[in-house]
C-alpha cells in the first residue's frame, strides 16, 4: 500500500490500507499501535488525494485514541497531533 501510494496509485493504496486496518482491528484490536499506524497511513492517502474532510476525521479519531491509550506526550500521539494540524493548516484552518 505504501509503494502504491508513493507511485500515486491512491485508490489501490486505499483499498489495501482498509484491508490492513480491518485485519489489524480483528487480530490486534482497535487501539493497538499498529492499528493506529494503519489509520494514519490511510488518512495520509486521503490527504494526498485532497480528501481533507476524510483525512481530518480519521486523524482526529486516531489522535483521540493515541492520547487516551498512549498518553498526551507519547511520540506517536505528538505525531498524530502534528498530522492533524498539518491537515487543518492545508485547509486554511
N, C-alpha and C. Protein backbone atom coordinates (compact mmCIF):
# COMPACT_ATOMS: atom_id res chain seq x y z
N UNK A 1 0.83 -1.19 0.00
CA UNK A 1 0.00 0.00 0.00
C UNK A 1 0.87 1.26 0.00
N UNK A 2 1.95 1.21 0.78
CA UNK A 2 2.84 2.38 0.83
C UNK A 2 3.48 2.60 -0.54
N UNK A 3 3.89 1.53 -1.20
CA UNK A 3 4.51 1.64 -2.51
C UNK A 3 3.52 2.18 -3.53
N UNK A 4 2.31 1.67 -3.50
CA UNK A 4 1.29 2.16 -4.42
C UNK A 4 1.02 3.65 -4.20
N UNK A 5 0.92 4.05 -2.94
CA UNK A 5 0.70 5.45 -2.63
C UNK A 5 1.85 6.33 -3.12
N UNK A 6 3.07 5.83 -2.94
CA UNK A 6 4.24 6.59 -3.40
C UNK A 6 4.25 6.76 -4.91
N UNK A 7 3.64 5.79 -5.60
CA UNK A 7 3.54 5.86 -7.06
C UNK A 7 2.31 6.62 -7.54
N UNK A 8 1.55 7.19 -6.59
CA UNK A 8 0.36 7.96 -6.95
C UNK A 8 -0.86 7.11 -7.24
N UNK A 9 -0.79 5.84 -6.94
CA UNK A 9 -1.93 4.93 -7.16
C UNK A 9 -2.77 4.90 -5.88
N UNK A 10 -3.41 6.02 -5.59
CA UNK A 10 -4.07 6.21 -4.31
C UNK A 10 -5.29 5.32 -4.10
N UNK A 11 -6.05 5.08 -5.15
CA UNK A 11 -7.23 4.23 -4.98
C UNK A 11 -6.83 2.81 -4.59
N UNK A 12 -5.81 2.29 -5.25
CA UNK A 12 -5.33 0.95 -4.94
C UNK A 12 -4.72 0.91 -3.53
N UNK A 13 -3.97 1.94 -3.18
CA UNK A 13 -3.38 2.02 -1.84
C UNK A 13 -4.48 2.07 -0.78
N UNK A 14 -5.51 2.87 -1.04
CA UNK A 14 -6.62 2.99 -0.10
C UNK A 14 -7.27 1.63 0.16
N UNK A 15 -7.52 0.88 -0.90
CA UNK A 15 -8.13 -0.45 -0.73
C UNK A 15 -7.29 -1.34 0.17
N UNK A 16 -5.98 -1.33 -0.04
CA UNK A 16 -5.10 -2.17 0.78
C UNK A 16 -5.04 -1.67 2.22
N UNK A 17 -4.97 -0.36 2.41
CA UNK A 17 -4.93 0.17 3.77
C UNK A 17 -6.20 -0.19 4.53
N UNK A 18 -7.34 -0.13 3.87
CA UNK A 18 -8.60 -0.50 4.53
C UNK A 18 -8.55 -1.97 4.94
N UNK A 19 -8.05 -2.83 4.07
CA UNK A 19 -7.92 -4.25 4.41
C UNK A 19 -7.00 -4.45 5.61
N UNK A 20 -5.89 -3.74 5.62
CA UNK A 20 -4.94 -3.86 6.72
C UNK A 20 -5.58 -3.40 8.02
N UNK A 21 -6.29 -2.28 7.99
CA UNK A 21 -6.95 -1.78 9.19
C UNK A 21 -7.96 -2.80 9.71
N UNK A 22 -8.78 -3.32 8.83
CA UNK A 22 -9.79 -4.29 9.25
C UNK A 22 -9.15 -5.52 9.87
N UNK A 23 -8.07 -6.00 9.25
CA UNK A 23 -7.38 -7.19 9.78
C UNK A 23 -6.72 -6.89 11.11
N UNK A 24 -6.05 -5.75 11.20
CA UNK A 24 -5.38 -5.40 12.46
C UNK A 24 -6.39 -5.19 13.58
N UNK A 25 -7.53 -4.59 13.29
CA UNK A 25 -8.56 -4.43 14.32
C UNK A 25 -9.03 -5.79 14.82
N UNK A 26 -9.24 -6.71 13.90
CA UNK A 26 -9.73 -8.04 14.25
C UNK A 26 -8.68 -8.82 15.04
N UNK A 27 -7.43 -8.76 14.60
CA UNK A 27 -6.37 -9.56 15.20
C UNK A 27 -5.75 -8.88 16.43
N UNK A 28 -5.49 -7.59 16.33
CA UNK A 28 -4.76 -6.88 17.39
C UNK A 28 -5.65 -6.01 18.27
N UNK A 29 -6.77 -5.57 17.74
CA UNK A 29 -7.67 -4.69 18.48
C UNK A 29 -7.68 -3.27 17.91
N UNK A 30 -8.74 -2.56 18.25
CA UNK A 30 -8.94 -1.20 17.74
C UNK A 30 -7.90 -0.20 18.22
N UNK A 31 -7.29 -0.47 19.37
CA UNK A 31 -6.40 0.52 19.98
C UNK A 31 -4.93 0.11 19.95
N UNK A 32 -4.60 -0.94 19.22
CA UNK A 32 -3.21 -1.37 19.13
C UNK A 32 -2.41 -0.35 18.33
N UNK A 33 -1.17 -0.08 18.72
CA UNK A 33 -0.36 0.89 17.98
C UNK A 33 -0.25 0.60 16.48
N UNK A 34 -0.18 -0.66 16.09
CA UNK A 34 -0.10 -0.99 14.66
C UNK A 34 -1.39 -0.64 13.93
N UNK A 35 -2.52 -0.81 14.60
CA UNK A 35 -3.81 -0.42 14.02
C UNK A 35 -3.85 1.09 13.84
N UNK A 36 -3.36 1.82 14.83
CA UNK A 36 -3.34 3.28 14.76
C UNK A 36 -2.41 3.76 13.65
N UNK A 37 -1.30 3.09 13.45
CA UNK A 37 -0.38 3.45 12.36
C UNK A 37 -1.07 3.25 11.02
N UNK A 38 -1.81 2.18 10.88
CA UNK A 38 -2.54 1.93 9.63
C UNK A 38 -3.60 2.99 9.39
N UNK A 39 -4.25 3.45 10.46
CA UNK A 39 -5.23 4.54 10.32
C UNK A 39 -4.53 5.80 9.83
N UNK A 40 -3.36 6.07 10.39
CA UNK A 40 -2.60 7.26 9.97
C UNK A 40 -2.20 7.15 8.50
N UNK A 41 -1.83 5.95 8.07
CA UNK A 41 -1.44 5.76 6.67
C UNK A 41 -2.63 5.98 5.74
N UNK A 42 -3.80 5.50 6.12
CA UNK A 42 -4.99 5.72 5.30
C UNK A 42 -5.33 7.21 5.26
N UNK A 43 -5.24 7.87 6.40
CA UNK A 43 -5.50 9.32 6.45
C UNK A 43 -4.54 10.07 5.54
N UNK A 44 -3.29 9.64 5.51
CA UNK A 44 -2.31 10.24 4.62
C UNK A 44 -2.69 10.05 3.16
N UNK A 45 -3.22 8.91 2.85
CA UNK A 45 -3.68 8.65 1.48
C UNK A 45 -4.83 9.59 1.13
N UNK A 46 -5.76 9.76 2.06
CA UNK A 46 -6.85 10.72 1.83
C UNK A 46 -6.27 12.12 1.60
N UNK A 47 -5.31 12.49 2.44
CA UNK A 47 -4.70 13.82 2.34
C UNK A 47 -4.08 14.01 0.96
N UNK A 48 -3.34 13.01 0.50
CA UNK A 48 -2.68 13.10 -0.81
C UNK A 48 -3.68 13.22 -1.95
N UNK A 49 -4.89 12.77 -1.73
CA UNK A 49 -5.94 12.88 -2.74
C UNK A 49 -6.73 14.18 -2.62
N UNK A 50 -6.39 14.99 -1.63
CA UNK A 50 -7.14 16.22 -1.40
C UNK A 50 -8.48 15.98 -0.73
N UNK A 51 -8.62 14.83 -0.10
CA UNK A 51 -9.86 14.48 0.60
C UNK A 51 -9.71 14.91 2.07
N UNK A 52 -9.70 16.23 2.25
CA UNK A 52 -9.37 16.83 3.53
C UNK A 52 -10.29 16.41 4.66
N UNK A 53 -11.58 16.42 4.40
CA UNK A 53 -12.55 16.10 5.46
C UNK A 53 -12.35 14.67 5.96
N UNK A 54 -12.17 13.72 5.04
CA UNK A 54 -11.96 12.33 5.44
C UNK A 54 -10.65 12.17 6.19
N UNK A 55 -9.61 12.85 5.72
CA UNK A 55 -8.32 12.80 6.40
C UNK A 55 -8.45 13.37 7.81
N UNK A 56 -9.10 14.51 7.91
CA UNK A 56 -9.28 15.17 9.20
C UNK A 56 -10.04 14.29 10.19
N UNK A 57 -11.14 13.69 9.73
CA UNK A 57 -11.95 12.85 10.61
C UNK A 57 -11.17 11.65 11.12
N UNK A 58 -10.43 10.99 10.23
CA UNK A 58 -9.66 9.82 10.63
C UNK A 58 -8.49 10.21 11.54
N UNK A 59 -7.84 11.33 11.23
CA UNK A 59 -6.74 11.79 12.08
C UNK A 59 -7.24 12.18 13.47
N UNK A 60 -8.39 12.82 13.55
CA UNK A 60 -8.95 13.20 14.85
C UNK A 60 -9.29 11.95 15.67
N UNK A 61 -9.85 10.96 15.01
CA UNK A 61 -10.18 9.71 15.71
C UNK A 61 -8.90 9.04 16.21
N UNK A 62 -7.91 8.95 15.35
CA UNK A 62 -6.64 8.34 15.72
C UNK A 62 -5.98 9.10 16.87
N UNK A 63 -5.97 10.43 16.80
CA UNK A 63 -5.38 11.25 17.85
C UNK A 63 -6.08 11.00 19.19
N UNK A 64 -7.39 10.92 19.17
CA UNK A 64 -8.13 10.67 20.40
C UNK A 64 -7.74 9.35 21.04
N UNK A 65 -7.61 8.32 20.22
CA UNK A 65 -7.23 7.00 20.75
C UNK A 65 -5.79 7.04 21.25
N UNK A 66 -4.88 7.61 20.47
CA UNK A 66 -3.48 7.71 20.88
C UNK A 66 -3.35 8.44 22.22
N UNK A 67 -4.04 9.54 22.33
CA UNK A 67 -3.96 10.34 23.54
C UNK A 67 -4.44 9.55 24.75
N UNK A 68 -5.54 8.84 24.59
CA UNK A 68 -6.12 8.07 25.68
C UNK A 68 -5.27 6.85 26.03
N UNK A 69 -4.80 6.13 25.02
CA UNK A 69 -4.09 4.87 25.23
C UNK A 69 -2.61 5.08 25.54
N UNK A 70 -1.97 5.97 24.79
CA UNK A 70 -0.52 6.15 24.92
C UNK A 70 -0.12 7.32 25.80
N UNK A 71 -1.02 8.28 25.95
CA UNK A 71 -0.73 9.48 26.73
C UNK A 71 -0.46 10.67 25.82
N UNK A 72 -0.70 11.84 26.36
CA UNK A 72 -0.58 13.07 25.58
C UNK A 72 0.83 13.41 25.13
N UNK A 73 1.84 12.89 25.82
CA UNK A 73 3.22 13.24 25.48
C UNK A 73 3.97 12.12 24.76
N UNK A 74 3.28 11.06 24.43
CA UNK A 74 3.92 9.95 23.71
C UNK A 74 4.29 10.42 22.30
N UNK A 75 5.43 10.00 21.78
CA UNK A 75 5.84 10.43 20.44
C UNK A 75 4.79 10.13 19.35
N UNK A 76 4.11 9.00 19.43
CA UNK A 76 3.08 8.69 18.43
C UNK A 76 1.90 9.64 18.54
N UNK A 77 1.54 10.02 19.76
CA UNK A 77 0.45 10.98 19.96
C UNK A 77 0.84 12.33 19.37
N UNK A 78 2.07 12.75 19.62
CA UNK A 78 2.53 14.03 19.09
C UNK A 78 2.60 14.02 17.57
N UNK A 79 2.99 12.89 16.98
CA UNK A 79 2.99 12.77 15.52
C UNK A 79 1.57 12.88 14.99
N UNK A 80 0.62 12.24 15.66
CA UNK A 80 -0.78 12.32 15.25
C UNK A 80 -1.29 13.76 15.33
N UNK A 81 -0.91 14.44 16.40
CA UNK A 81 -1.31 15.84 16.57
C UNK A 81 -0.73 16.70 15.45
N UNK A 82 0.52 16.46 15.12
CA UNK A 82 1.18 17.19 14.04
C UNK A 82 0.48 16.95 12.70
N UNK A 83 0.15 15.69 12.43
CA UNK A 83 -0.52 15.36 11.17
C UNK A 83 -1.88 16.05 11.06
N UNK A 84 -2.64 16.04 12.14
CA UNK A 84 -3.94 16.71 12.12
C UNK A 84 -3.76 18.22 11.94
N UNK A 85 -2.79 18.78 12.63
CA UNK A 85 -2.52 20.22 12.49
C UNK A 85 -2.16 20.57 11.05
N UNK A 86 -1.37 19.73 10.41
CA UNK A 86 -0.98 19.97 9.02
C UNK A 86 -2.20 19.90 8.10
N UNK A 87 -3.10 18.98 8.37
CA UNK A 87 -4.32 18.88 7.57
C UNK A 87 -5.19 20.12 7.75
N UNK A 88 -5.32 20.58 8.98
CA UNK A 88 -6.10 21.79 9.24
C UNK A 88 -5.45 23.00 8.56
N UNK A 89 -4.14 23.09 8.65
CA UNK A 89 -3.41 24.20 8.01
C UNK A 89 -3.61 24.17 6.50
N UNK A 90 -3.60 22.99 5.93
CA UNK A 90 -3.78 22.84 4.49
C UNK A 90 -5.15 23.31 4.03
N UNK A 91 -6.09 23.33 4.96
CA UNK A 91 -7.45 23.81 4.66
C UNK A 91 -7.63 25.28 5.05
N UNK A 92 -6.55 25.92 5.46
CA UNK A 92 -6.64 27.31 5.88
C UNK A 92 -7.25 27.49 7.25
N UNK A 93 -7.21 26.42 8.05
CA UNK A 93 -7.78 26.48 9.40
C UNK A 93 -6.68 26.39 10.41
